[in-house]
């Protein structure tokens, strides 16, 4: 981090060196070993893809091992490229914060943000009503993020100021706005099937209703923002049929 005008927090050169300098050689070595041991592996009845190893064992050496090493190195390069694209980069100044990942950029202006924090492995920005302006998975060092935001006057919190307001979601639980229970059911199914994009989009839909969701061990916890319209205390959410 350097400079008063803007601070950038990323994974650093060491992480890039590990991916680009480590994955291709590992892939090449794995390819070479598999090709060299193809005959031995083909004799093991429990090994999957025995037919492939039998075919490899009939090909001339060392050509097949060299080819397998090249393919392994290419696979390592592809993996390093995917890892590089998936890295989160956070750039902060006094007016806005910008996040970039996988070629996509999202910005949040400073005047909308009431609190910045790291919740578990997520970078979170909260607005004045307690709603989430942003929640992004982050492997970045918490101390570096804290220093970056504080250096530019952003309000940093060591823990979620609304943590005590969360309740474990149970289908049909009273207190949710109309439609939120159905969205939480759909999001539960998305989490069970590891559909991350669907779960993210359903989180946004819940946010529009004033419902904030956080996940713990594949369980959903929820709270209401100040702008949420909750049903009366004696009004229960009608249970919906389970269509799983």
C-alpha atoms as a PDB file:
ATOM      1  CA  UNK A   1       0.000   0.000   0.000  1.00  0.00           C
ATOM      2  CA  UNK A   2       1.365   3.386  -0.903  1.00  0.00           C
ATOM      3  CA  UNK A   3       0.295   6.900  -1.716  1.00  0.00           C
ATOM      4  CA  UNK A   4      -2.187   9.280  -0.126  1.00  0.00           C
ATOM      5  CA  UNK A   5      -4.539   9.526  -3.110  1.00  0.00           C
ATOM      6  CA  UNK A   6      -5.359   5.842  -3.510  1.00  0.00           C
ATOM      7  CA  UNK A   7      -4.565   2.570  -1.781  1.00  0.00           C
ATOM      8  CA  UNK A   8      -4.659  -0.790  -3.517  1.00  0.00           C
ATOM      9  CA  UNK A   9      -4.922  -4.101  -1.656  1.00  0.00           C
ATOM     10  CA  UNK A  10      -4.342  -7.283  -3.647  1.00  0.00           C
ATOM     11  CA  UNK A  11      -2.883 -10.720  -3.323  1.00  0.00           C
ATOM     12  CA  UNK A  12       0.691  -9.567  -3.927  1.00  0.00           C
ATOM     13  CA  UNK A  13       3.556 -10.742  -6.098  1.00  0.00           C
ATOM     14  CA  UNK A  14       4.316 -13.793  -3.946  1.00  0.00           C
ATOM     15  CA  UNK A  15       0.886 -15.252  -4.636  1.00  0.00           C
ATOM     16  CA  UNK A  16       1.291 -14.710  -8.377  1.00  0.00           C
ATOM     17  CA  UNK A  17       4.749 -16.251  -8.304  1.00  0.00           C
ATOM     18  CA  UNK A  18       3.380 -19.294  -6.484  1.00  0.00           C
ATOM     19  CA  UNK A  19       0.624 -19.815  -9.046  1.00  0.00           C
ATOM     20  CA  UNK A  20       2.576 -19.135 -12.243  1.00  0.00           C
ATOM     21  CA  UNK A  21       5.832 -20.655 -11.021  1.00  0.00           C
ATOM     22  CA  UNK A  22       4.275 -23.603  -9.222  1.00  0.00           C
ATOM     23  CA  UNK A  23       1.203 -24.860 -11.064  1.00  0.00           C
ATOM     24  CA  UNK A  24       2.792 -25.493 -14.514  1.00  0.00           C
ATOM     25  CA  UNK A  25       5.743 -27.542 -13.138  1.00  0.00           C
ATOM     26  CA  UNK A  26       3.411 -29.494 -10.869  1.00  0.00           C
ATOM     27  CA  UNK A  27       1.120 -30.217 -13.817  1.00  0.00           C
ATOM     28  CA  UNK A  28       4.056 -31.298 -15.965  1.00  0.00           C
ATOM     29  CA  UNK A  29       5.356 -33.584 -13.232  1.00  0.00           C
ATOM     30  CA  UNK A  30       1.937 -35.141 -12.665  1.00  0.00           C
ATOM     31  CA  UNK A  31       1.496 -35.753 -16.397  1.00  0.00           C
ATOM     32  CA  UNK A  32       4.930 -37.350 -16.709  1.00  0.00           C
ATOM     33  CA  UNK A  33       4.354 -39.653 -13.713  1.00  0.00           C
ATOM     34  CA  UNK A  34       0.929 -40.792 -14.919  1.00  0.00           C
ATOM     35  CA  UNK A  35       2.265 -41.616 -18.364  1.00  0.00           C
ATOM     36  CA  UNK A  36       5.338 -43.380 -17.004  1.00  0.00           C
ATOM     37  CA  UNK A  37       3.216 -45.453 -14.595  1.00  0.00           C
ATOM     38  CA  UNK A  38       0.445 -46.195 -17.127  1.00  0.00           C
ATOM     39  CA  UNK A  39       1.330 -49.900 -17.432  1.00  0.00           C
ATOM     40  CA  UNK A  40       1.377 -50.414 -13.676  1.00  0.00           C
ATOM     41  CA  UNK A  41      -1.901 -48.518 -13.199  1.00  0.00           C
ATOM     42  CA  UNK A  42      -3.584 -50.533 -15.964  1.00  0.00           C
ATOM     43  CA  UNK A  43      -2.925 -53.733 -13.974  1.00  0.00           C
ATOM     44  CA  UNK A  44      -4.839 -52.442 -10.918  1.00  0.00           C
ATOM     45  CA  UNK A  45      -8.485 -53.497 -11.140  1.00  0.00           C
ATOM     46  CA  UNK A  46      -9.758 -50.734  -8.858  1.00  0.00           C
ATOM     47  CA  UNK A  47      -8.192 -47.870 -10.850  1.00  0.00           C
ATOM     48  CA  UNK A  48     -10.725 -45.808 -12.850  1.00  0.00           C
ATOM     49  CA  UNK A  49     -10.120 -45.262 -16.583  1.00  0.00           C
ATOM     50  CA  UNK A  50      -8.078 -48.477 -16.871  1.00  0.00           C
ATOM     51  CA  UNK A  51      -8.712 -48.521 -20.617  1.00  0.00           C
ATOM     52  CA  UNK A  52      -7.001 -45.154 -20.996  1.00  0.00           C
ATOM     53  CA  UNK A  53      -3.947 -46.316 -19.066  1.00  0.00           C
ATOM     54  CA  UNK A  54      -3.805 -49.523 -21.097  1.00  0.00           C
ATOM     55  CA  UNK A  55      -3.799 -47.471 -24.307  1.00  0.00           C
ATOM     56  CA  UNK A  56      -1.081 -45.173 -22.951  1.00  0.00           C
ATOM     57  CA  UNK A  57       1.076 -48.131 -21.924  1.00  0.00           C
ATOM     58  CA  UNK A  58       1.156 -49.318 -25.561  1.00  0.00           C
ATOM     59  CA  UNK A  59       2.455 -45.996 -26.889  1.00  0.00           C
ATOM     60  CA  UNK A  60       6.206 -45.476 -27.423  1.00  0.00           C
ATOM     61  CA  UNK A  61       8.335 -43.957 -24.682  1.00  0.00           C
ATOM     62  CA  UNK A  62       9.608 -41.361 -23.970  1.00  0.00           C
ATOM     63  CA  UNK A  63       7.331 -39.595 -26.477  1.00  0.00           C
ATOM     64  CA  UNK A  64       4.140 -40.318 -24.559  1.00  0.00           C
ATOM     65  CA  UNK A  65       5.622 -39.122 -21.254  1.00  0.00           C
ATOM     66  CA  UNK A  66       6.865 -35.921 -22.883  1.00  0.00           C
ATOM     67  CA  UNK A  67       3.444 -35.308 -24.406  1.00  0.00           C
ATOM     68  CA  UNK A  68       1.734 -35.948 -21.069  1.00  0.00           C
ATOM     69  CA  UNK A  69       4.151 -33.530 -19.366  1.00  0.00           C
ATOM     70  CA  UNK A  70       3.352 -30.836 -21.924  1.00  0.00           C
ATOM     71  CA  UNK A  71      -0.390 -31.335 -21.446  1.00  0.00           C
ATOM     72  CA  UNK A  72       0.081 -31.208 -17.669  1.00  0.00           C
ATOM     73  CA  UNK A  73       2.029 -27.953 -17.945  1.00  0.00           C
ATOM     74  CA  UNK A  74      -0.712 -26.435 -20.112  1.00  0.00           C
ATOM     75  CA  UNK A  75      -3.306 -27.485 -17.534  1.00  0.00           C
ATOM     76  CA  UNK A  76      -1.192 -25.790 -14.862  1.00  0.00           C
ATOM     77  CA  UNK A  77      -1.061 -22.605 -16.928  1.00  0.00           C
ATOM     78  CA  UNK A  78      -4.838 -22.627 -17.326  1.00  0.00           C
ATOM     79  CA  UNK A  79      -5.257 -23.128 -13.588  1.00  0.00           C
ATOM     80  CA  UNK A  80      -2.859 -20.266 -12.844  1.00  0.00           C
ATOM     81  CA  UNK A  81      -4.767 -18.022 -15.245  1.00  0.00           C
ATOM     82  CA  UNK A  82      -8.082 -18.876 -13.612  1.00  0.00           C
ATOM     83  CA  UNK A  83      -6.604 -18.254 -10.170  1.00  0.00           C
ATOM     84  CA  UNK A  84      -5.230 -14.881 -11.255  1.00  0.00           C
ATOM     85  CA  UNK A  85      -8.605 -13.815 -12.654  1.00  0.00           C
ATOM     86  CA  UNK A  86     -10.358 -14.903  -9.447  1.00  0.00           C
ATOM     87  CA  UNK A  87      -8.118 -12.752  -7.239  1.00  0.00           C
ATOM     88  CA  UNK A  88      -9.903  -9.861  -5.569  1.00  0.00           C
ATOM     89  CA  UNK A  89      -8.341  -6.393  -5.775  1.00  0.00           C
ATOM     90  CA  UNK A  90      -9.649  -3.572  -3.569  1.00  0.00           C
ATOM     91  CA  UNK A  91      -8.782   0.057  -4.370  1.00  0.00           C
ATOM     92  CA  UNK A  92      -9.744   2.736  -1.847  1.00  0.00           C
ATOM     93  CA  UNK A  93      -9.619   6.535  -1.834  1.00  0.00           C
ATOM     94  CA  UNK A  94     -11.555   9.186   0.074  1.00  0.00           C
ATOM     95  CA  UNK A  95     -14.449   9.224  -2.384  1.00  0.00           C
ATOM     96  CA  UNK A  96     -15.066   5.571  -3.322  1.00  0.00           C
ATOM     97  CA  UNK A  97     -13.981   1.950  -3.094  1.00  0.00           C
ATOM     98  CA  UNK A  98     -13.593  -0.188  -6.212  1.00  0.00           C
ATOM     99  CA  UNK A  99     -13.488  -3.987  -6.285  1.00  0.00           C
ATOM    100  CA  UNK A 100     -12.234  -5.939  -9.278  1.00  0.00           C
ATOM    101  CA  UNK A 101     -12.489  -9.678  -9.822  1.00  0.00           C
ATOM    102  CA  UNK A 102     -12.620 -11.834 -12.932  1.00  0.00           C
ATOM    103  CA  UNK A 103     -12.585  -8.757 -15.159  1.00  0.00           C
ATOM    104  CA  UNK A 104     -15.607  -7.232 -13.416  1.00  0.00           C
ATOM    105  CA  UNK A 105     -15.469  -3.962 -11.493  1.00  0.00           C
ATOM    106  CA  UNK A 106     -17.915  -2.647  -8.918  1.00  0.00           C
ATOM    107  CA  UNK A 107     -17.729   0.729  -7.149  1.00  0.00           C
ATOM    108  CA  UNK A 108     -19.389   2.072  -4.013  1.00  0.00           C
ATOM    109  CA  UNK A 109     -19.249   5.793  -3.150  1.00  0.00           C
ATOM    110  CA  UNK A 110     -18.106   6.792   0.326  1.00  0.00           C
ATOM    111  CA  UNK A 111     -21.226   8.821   1.178  1.00  0.00           C
ATOM    112  CA  UNK A 112     -23.404   5.674   1.032  1.00  0.00           C
ATOM    113  CA  UNK A 113     -21.295   3.695   3.496  1.00  0.00           C
ATOM    114  CA  UNK A 114     -21.861   3.717   7.243  1.00  0.00           C
ATOM    115  CA  UNK A 115     -19.584   0.811   8.258  1.00  0.00           C
ATOM    116  CA  UNK A 116     -16.884  -1.368   6.674  1.00  0.00           C
ATOM    117  CA  UNK A 117     -15.991  -4.750   8.148  1.00  0.00           C
ATOM    118  CA  UNK A 118     -14.774  -8.261   7.417  1.00  0.00           C
ATOM    119  CA  UNK A 119     -17.405 -10.852   8.333  1.00  0.00           C
ATOM    120  CA  UNK A 120     -15.888 -14.314   8.268  1.00  0.00           C
ATOM    121  CA  UNK A 121     -14.246 -14.370   4.854  1.00  0.00           C
ATOM    122  CA  UNK A 122     -16.386 -11.593   3.343  1.00  0.00           C
ATOM    123  CA  UNK A 123     -15.709  -7.897   2.885  1.00  0.00           C
ATOM    124  CA  UNK A 124     -18.952  -6.100   3.828  1.00  0.00           C
ATOM    125  CA  UNK A 125     -20.127  -2.506   3.371  1.00  0.00           C
ATOM    126  CA  UNK A 126     -23.210  -1.426   5.341  1.00  0.00           C
ATOM    127  CA  UNK A 127     -25.396   1.609   4.720  1.00  0.00           C
ATOM    128  CA  UNK A 128     -27.084   3.885   7.239  1.00  0.00           C
ATOM    129  CA  UNK A 129     -30.167   1.635   7.491  1.00  0.00           C
ATOM    130  CA  UNK A 130     -28.085  -1.443   8.266  1.00  0.00           C
ATOM    131  CA  UNK A 131     -28.478  -2.872   4.772  1.00  0.00           C
ATOM    132  CA  UNK A 132     -25.615  -4.449   2.858  1.00  0.00           C
ATOM    133  CA  UNK A 133     -24.332  -2.374  -0.002  1.00  0.00           C
ATOM    134  CA  UNK A 134     -21.765  -5.041  -0.789  1.00  0.00           C
ATOM    135  CA  UNK A 135     -20.692  -8.485   0.418  1.00  0.00           C
ATOM    136  CA  UNK A 136     -17.757  -9.991  -1.435  1.00  0.00           C
ATOM    137  CA  UNK A 137     -15.753 -13.112  -0.655  1.00  0.00           C
ATOM    138  CA  UNK A 138     -12.201 -12.056   0.180  1.00  0.00           C
ATOM    139  CA  UNK A 139      -8.960 -13.878   0.905  1.00  0.00           C
ATOM    140  CA  UNK A 140      -7.163 -10.581   1.495  1.00  0.00           C
ATOM    141  CA  UNK A 141      -5.418  -9.879   4.768  1.00  0.00           C
ATOM    142  CA  UNK A 142      -7.774  -8.227   7.269  1.00  0.00           C
ATOM    143  CA  UNK A 143      -5.045  -5.989   8.672  1.00  0.00           C
ATOM    144  CA  UNK A 144      -4.167  -4.641   5.223  1.00  0.00           C
ATOM    145  CA  UNK A 145      -7.824  -3.942   4.468  1.00  0.00           C
ATOM    146  CA  UNK A 146      -8.284  -2.203   7.821  1.00  0.00           C
ATOM    147  CA  UNK A 147      -5.226  -0.024   7.247  1.00  0.00           C
ATOM    148  CA  UNK A 148      -6.343   0.883   3.715  1.00  0.00           C
ATOM    149  CA  UNK A 149      -9.844   1.976   4.677  1.00  0.00           C
ATOM    150  CA  UNK A 150      -8.766   3.820   7.810  1.00  0.00           C
ATOM    151  CA  UNK A 151      -6.027   5.651   5.906  1.00  0.00           C
ATOM    152  CA  UNK A 152      -8.738   7.313   3.822  1.00  0.00           C
ATOM    153  CA  UNK A 153     -11.158   8.032   6.673  1.00  0.00           C
ATOM    154  CA  UNK A 154     -13.612   5.181   6.162  1.00  0.00           C
ATOM    155  CA  UNK A 155     -15.483   3.917   9.258  1.00  0.00           C
ATOM    156  CA  UNK A 156     -14.091   0.463  10.084  1.00  0.00           C
ATOM    157  CA  UNK A 157     -15.702  -1.972  12.542  1.00  0.00           C
ATOM    158  CA  UNK A 158     -13.947  -5.008  14.015  1.00  0.00           C
ATOM    159  CA  UNK A 159     -17.222  -6.951  14.068  1.00  0.00           C
ATOM    160  CA  UNK A 160     -20.718  -6.660  12.667  1.00  0.00           C
ATOM    161  CA  UNK A 161     -22.604  -4.073  14.778  1.00  0.00           C
ATOM    162  CA  UNK A 162     -25.838  -5.946  13.972  1.00  0.00           C
ATOM    163  CA  UNK A 163     -24.535  -9.415  14.845  1.00  0.00           C
ATOM    164  CA  UNK A 164     -26.943  -9.857  17.770  1.00  0.00           C
ATOM    165  CA  UNK A 165     -29.960  -9.133  15.551  1.00  0.00           C
ATOM    166  CA  UNK A 166     -29.541 -12.223  13.354  1.00  0.00           C
ATOM    167  CA  UNK A 167     -31.953 -15.127  13.750  1.00  0.00           C
ATOM    168  CA  UNK A 168     -31.656 -18.629  12.379  1.00  0.00           C
ATOM    169  CA  UNK A 169     -34.011 -19.026   9.430  1.00  0.00           C
ATOM    170  CA  UNK A 170     -36.660 -21.706   9.816  1.00  0.00           C
ATOM    171  CA  UNK A 171     -39.344 -22.161   7.127  1.00  0.00           C
ATOM    172  CA  UNK A 172     -42.532 -20.377   8.121  1.00  0.00           C
ATOM    173  CA  UNK A 173     -40.843 -18.359  10.871  1.00  0.00           C
ATOM    174  CA  UNK A 174     -42.865 -15.178  11.639  1.00  0.00           C
ATOM    175  CA  UNK A 175     -41.440 -11.687  11.273  1.00  0.00           C
ATOM    176  CA  UNK A 176     -40.295 -11.755   7.652  1.00  0.00           C
ATOM    177  CA  UNK A 177     -41.656  -9.420   4.950  1.00  0.00           C
ATOM    178  CA  UNK A 178     -44.025 -10.935   2.412  1.00  0.00           C
ATOM    179  CA  UNK A 179     -42.160 -13.029  -0.134  1.00  0.00           C
ATOM    180  CA  UNK A 180     -38.949 -13.338   1.890  1.00  0.00           C
ATOM    181  CA  UNK A 181     -39.687 -16.856   3.110  1.00  0.00           C
ATOM    182  CA  UNK A 182     -40.055 -18.140  -0.460  1.00  0.00           C
ATOM    183  CA  UNK A 183     -36.762 -16.485  -1.437  1.00  0.00           C
ATOM    184  CA  UNK A 184     -34.999 -18.040   1.536  1.00  0.00           C
ATOM    185  CA  UNK A 185     -36.373 -21.468   0.564  1.00  0.00           C
ATOM    186  CA  UNK A 186     -35.069 -21.019  -2.969  1.00  0.00           C
ATOM    187  CA  UNK A 187     -31.717 -19.827  -1.662  1.00  0.00           C
ATOM    188  CA  UNK A 188     -31.457 -22.844   0.637  1.00  0.00           C
ATOM    189  CA  UNK A 189     -31.856 -25.119  -2.380  1.00  0.00           C
ATOM    190  CA  UNK A 190     -29.247 -23.100  -4.302  1.00  0.00           C
ATOM    191  CA  UNK A 191     -26.772 -23.482  -1.424  1.00  0.00           C
ATOM    192  CA  UNK A 192     -27.427 -27.227  -1.173  1.00  0.00           C
ATOM    193  CA  UNK A 193     -26.738 -27.608  -4.911  1.00  0.00           C
ATOM    194  CA  UNK A 194     -23.690 -25.304  -4.762  1.00  0.00           C
ATOM    195  CA  UNK A 195     -25.221 -22.797  -7.179  1.00  0.00           C
ATOM    196  CA  UNK A 196     -23.300 -19.769  -5.983  1.00  0.00           C
ATOM    197  CA  UNK A 197     -24.545 -17.342  -8.619  1.00  0.00           C
ATOM    198  CA  UNK A 198     -28.169 -18.220  -7.830  1.00  0.00           C
ATOM    199  CA  UNK A 199     -27.540 -17.809  -4.104  1.00  0.00           C
ATOM    200  CA  UNK A 200     -25.908 -14.424  -4.734  1.00  0.00           C
ATOM    201  CA  UNK A 201     -28.831 -13.205  -6.863  1.00  0.00           C
ATOM    202  CA  UNK A 202     -31.366 -14.367  -4.256  1.00  0.00           C
ATOM    203  CA  UNK A 203     -29.398 -12.468  -1.612  1.00  0.00           C
ATOM    204  CA  UNK A 204     -29.865  -9.330  -3.714  1.00  0.00           C
ATOM    205  CA  UNK A 205     -33.603  -9.972  -3.983  1.00  0.00           C
ATOM    206  CA  UNK A 206     -33.844 -10.365  -0.214  1.00  0.00           C
ATOM    207  CA  UNK A 207     -31.894  -7.140   0.234  1.00  0.00           C
ATOM    208  CA  UNK A 208     -34.549  -5.299  -1.784  1.00  0.00           C
ATOM    209  CA  UNK A 209     -37.088  -6.465   0.807  1.00  0.00           C
ATOM    210  CA  UNK A 210     -34.884  -5.207   3.633  1.00  0.00           C
ATOM    211  CA  UNK A 211     -33.657  -8.664   4.666  1.00  0.00           C
ATOM    212  CA  UNK A 212     -29.932  -9.221   5.267  1.00  0.00           C
ATOM    213  CA  UNK A 213     -28.662 -12.807   5.118  1.00  0.00           C
ATOM    214  CA  UNK A 214     -25.442 -14.330   6.384  1.00  0.00           C
ATOM    215  CA  UNK A 215     -24.382 -17.973   6.051  1.00  0.00           C
ATOM    216  CA  UNK A 216     -22.840 -20.205   8.670  1.00  0.00           C
ATOM    217  CA  UNK A 217     -22.087 -23.828   7.792  1.00  0.00           C
ATOM    218  CA  UNK A 218     -24.728 -23.828   5.023  1.00  0.00           C
ATOM    219  CA  UNK A 219     -27.368 -22.450   7.402  1.00  0.00           C
ATOM    220  CA  UNK A 220     -29.010 -19.081   6.778  1.00  0.00           C
ATOM    221  CA  UNK A 221     -29.341 -16.367   9.414  1.00  0.00           C
ATOM    222  CA  UNK A 222     -31.351 -13.226   8.763  1.00  0.00           C
ATOM    223  CA  UNK A 223     -32.126  -9.789  10.162  1.00  0.00           C
ATOM    224  CA  UNK A 224     -34.193  -6.815   9.040  1.00  0.00           C
ATOM    225  CA  UNK A 225     -32.897  -3.397   8.072  1.00  0.00           C
ATOM    226  CA  UNK A 226     -34.430  -0.155   9.285  1.00  0.00           C
ATOM    227  CA  UNK A 227     -36.289   0.262   5.990  1.00  0.00           C
ATOM    228  CA  UNK A 228     -37.815  -3.232   5.976  1.00  0.00           C
ATOM    229  CA  UNK A 229     -41.577  -3.571   6.360  1.00  0.00           C
ATOM    230  CA  UNK A 230     -42.180  -6.562   8.615  1.00  0.00           C
ATOM    231  CA  UNK A 231     -45.592  -8.139   9.193  1.00  0.00           C
ATOM    232  CA  UNK A 232     -47.405  -7.685  12.476  1.00  0.00           C
ATOM    233  CA  UNK A 233     -46.013  -9.651  15.390  1.00  0.00           C
ATOM    234  CA  UNK A 234     -48.994 -12.026  15.441  1.00  0.00           C
ATOM    235  CA  UNK A 235     -48.897 -12.614  11.672  1.00  0.00           C
ATOM    236  CA  UNK A 236     -47.188 -15.860  10.714  1.00  0.00           C
ATOM    237  CA  UNK A 237     -45.630 -16.552   7.382  1.00  0.00           C
ATOM    238  CA  UNK A 238     -47.774 -19.127   5.609  1.00  0.00           C
ATOM    239  CA  UNK A 239     -45.749 -22.267   5.026  1.00  0.00           C
ATOM    240  CA  UNK A 240     -45.265 -23.113   1.379  1.00  0.00           C
ATOM    241  CA  UNK A 241     -45.108 -26.595  -0.099  1.00  0.00           C
ATOM    242  CA  UNK A 242     -41.628 -28.043  -0.380  1.00  0.00           C
ATOM    243  CA  UNK A 243     -40.916 -28.625  -4.054  1.00  0.00           C
ATOM    244  CA  UNK A 244     -37.547 -30.243  -3.641  1.00  0.00           C
END
